[in-house]
Protein backbone atom coordinates (compact mmCIF):
# COMPACT_ATOMS: atom_id res chain seq x y z
CA MET A 1 76.87 103.06 55.38
CA GLU A 2 78.32 101.32 58.41
CA GLN A 3 78.31 97.80 57.03
CA TYR A 4 81.95 97.06 57.89
CA TYR A 5 82.33 99.49 60.77
CA LYS A 6 80.09 101.16 63.34
CA LEU A 7 79.94 104.82 64.34
CA SER A 8 77.99 104.50 67.58
CA ARG A 9 81.06 104.73 69.84
CA VAL A 10 82.65 107.35 67.59
CA LYS A 11 79.52 109.50 67.85
CA GLU A 12 79.44 109.00 71.61
CA LEU A 13 83.09 110.02 71.93
CA ALA A 14 82.54 113.02 69.66
CA ASP A 15 79.27 113.97 71.35
CA ASN A 16 77.76 113.92 67.84
CA ASP A 17 80.10 116.73 66.69
CA MET A 18 80.19 116.03 62.94
CA ASP A 19 83.47 117.90 62.43
CA PHE A 20 85.13 115.73 65.06
CA ILE A 21 83.59 112.57 63.59
CA GLN A 22 84.95 113.61 60.19
CA ALA A 23 88.39 114.17 61.73
CA LEU A 24 88.33 110.72 63.33
CA ALA A 25 87.34 109.15 60.00
CA GLU A 26 90.22 110.97 58.30
CA ALA A 27 92.62 109.77 60.99
CA PHE A 28 91.40 106.21 60.44
CA ILE A 29 92.08 106.48 56.69
CA GLU A 30 95.51 108.02 57.21
CA GLU A 31 96.76 105.64 59.88
CA VAL A 32 95.04 102.27 59.99
CA PRO A 33 95.77 100.99 56.45
CA GLU A 34 99.42 102.01 56.86
CA ASP A 35 99.60 100.25 60.23
CA ALA A 36 97.91 97.18 58.74
CA GLU A 37 100.56 96.99 56.03
CA ARG A 38 103.25 97.38 58.69
CA LEU A 39 101.62 94.55 60.67
CA LYS A 40 101.43 92.30 57.61
CA LYS A 41 105.13 92.77 56.84
CA ALA A 42 106.14 92.27 60.47
CA VAL A 43 104.31 88.95 60.75
CA ALA A 44 105.70 87.78 57.40
CA THR A 45 109.27 88.48 58.53
CA LEU A 46 108.72 87.09 62.04
CA ASP A 47 109.49 90.50 63.51
CA TYR A 48 107.80 89.99 66.87
CA LYS A 49 108.55 93.44 68.30
CA GLU A 50 107.24 95.25 65.21
CA THR A 51 104.18 92.99 65.16
CA TYR A 52 103.40 93.85 68.76
CA GLN A 53 103.94 97.59 68.24
CA ALA A 54 101.83 97.78 65.08
CA ALA A 55 98.97 95.75 66.55
CA HIS A 56 99.07 97.70 69.80
CA LYS A 57 98.86 100.99 67.90
CA MET A 58 95.89 99.78 65.84
CA LYS A 59 93.94 98.40 68.78
CA PRO A 60 92.14 101.55 70.02
CA THR A 61 90.99 102.58 66.55
CA ILE A 62 89.85 99.08 65.59
CA ASP A 63 87.89 99.01 68.84
CA LEU A 64 86.47 102.54 68.46
CA PHE A 65 85.20 101.89 64.93
CA GLU A 66 83.97 98.43 65.96
CA LEU A 67 85.40 96.48 63.04
CA GLY A 68 84.57 93.24 64.81
CA VAL A 69 88.12 91.88 64.75
CA LEU A 70 89.50 93.15 68.04
CA GLN A 71 89.92 89.61 69.42
CA ASP A 72 91.78 88.58 66.27
CA LEU A 73 94.03 91.62 66.52
CA LEU A 74 94.77 90.71 70.14
CA VAL A 75 95.86 87.22 69.05
CA VAL A 76 98.27 88.78 66.55
CA GLN A 77 99.46 91.31 69.12
CA ASP A 78 100.11 88.57 71.69
CA TRP A 79 101.92 86.49 69.08
CA GLY A 80 104.38 89.34 68.79
CA LYS A 81 104.44 90.34 72.44
CA PHE A 82 105.16 86.85 73.73
CA GLU A 83 107.25 85.80 70.71
CA LYS A 84 105.13 82.73 70.08
CA VAL A 85 107.66 80.90 67.93
CA GLY A 86 106.06 77.99 66.12
CA GLU A 87 102.52 79.34 66.46
CA ASP A 88 100.57 80.57 63.46
CA CYS A 89 98.50 83.73 63.66
CA SER A 90 98.02 84.08 59.89
CA SER A 91 94.29 83.33 59.91
CA GLN A 92 93.65 86.02 62.52
CA LEU A 93 95.93 88.42 60.65
CA GLU A 94 93.98 87.82 57.45
CA LEU A 95 90.68 88.57 59.22
CA VAL A 96 92.13 91.85 60.55
CA LEU A 97 93.55 92.87 57.17
CA THR A 98 90.29 92.09 55.37
CA ALA A 99 88.25 94.03 57.92
CA VAL A 100 90.57 97.03 57.67
CA GLU A 101 90.43 96.97 53.88
CA LYS A 102 86.63 96.79 53.78
CA ALA A 103 86.17 99.44 56.47
CA THR A 104 88.68 101.75 54.78
CA THR A 105 86.85 101.52 51.48
CA GLU A 106 83.50 102.12 53.14
CA ILE A 107 84.70 105.04 55.29
CA LYS A 108 86.26 106.69 52.22
CA GLU A 109 82.91 106.42 50.43
CA ASP A 110 80.80 107.47 53.41
CA PHE A 111 82.95 110.50 54.26
CA ASN A 112 83.96 111.44 50.69
CA LEU A 113 87.66 110.94 51.43
């Protein structure tokens, strides 16, 4: 439990309310992998606006669950926001996608989702 994510901030936000923590975990599973796929496609097609929007949407949840890739996500977000033509954010994107995948798998197991 909590190898690829951390619950300390989630528990603090939820005031240790297990039902609320469960709801946040479910929201993570429902939204973050979908947003990660959206982000992956946006970067691949050089869709800067979509990249920015997807990364921006993911940011609070990635931070709350402490996946350890917030800085990498910010690099990807800024790549889209500032339309950094000619710059490569693929290594940071890959770190984010891997972290999301591992955390998703672990949260599903830990919360029986």
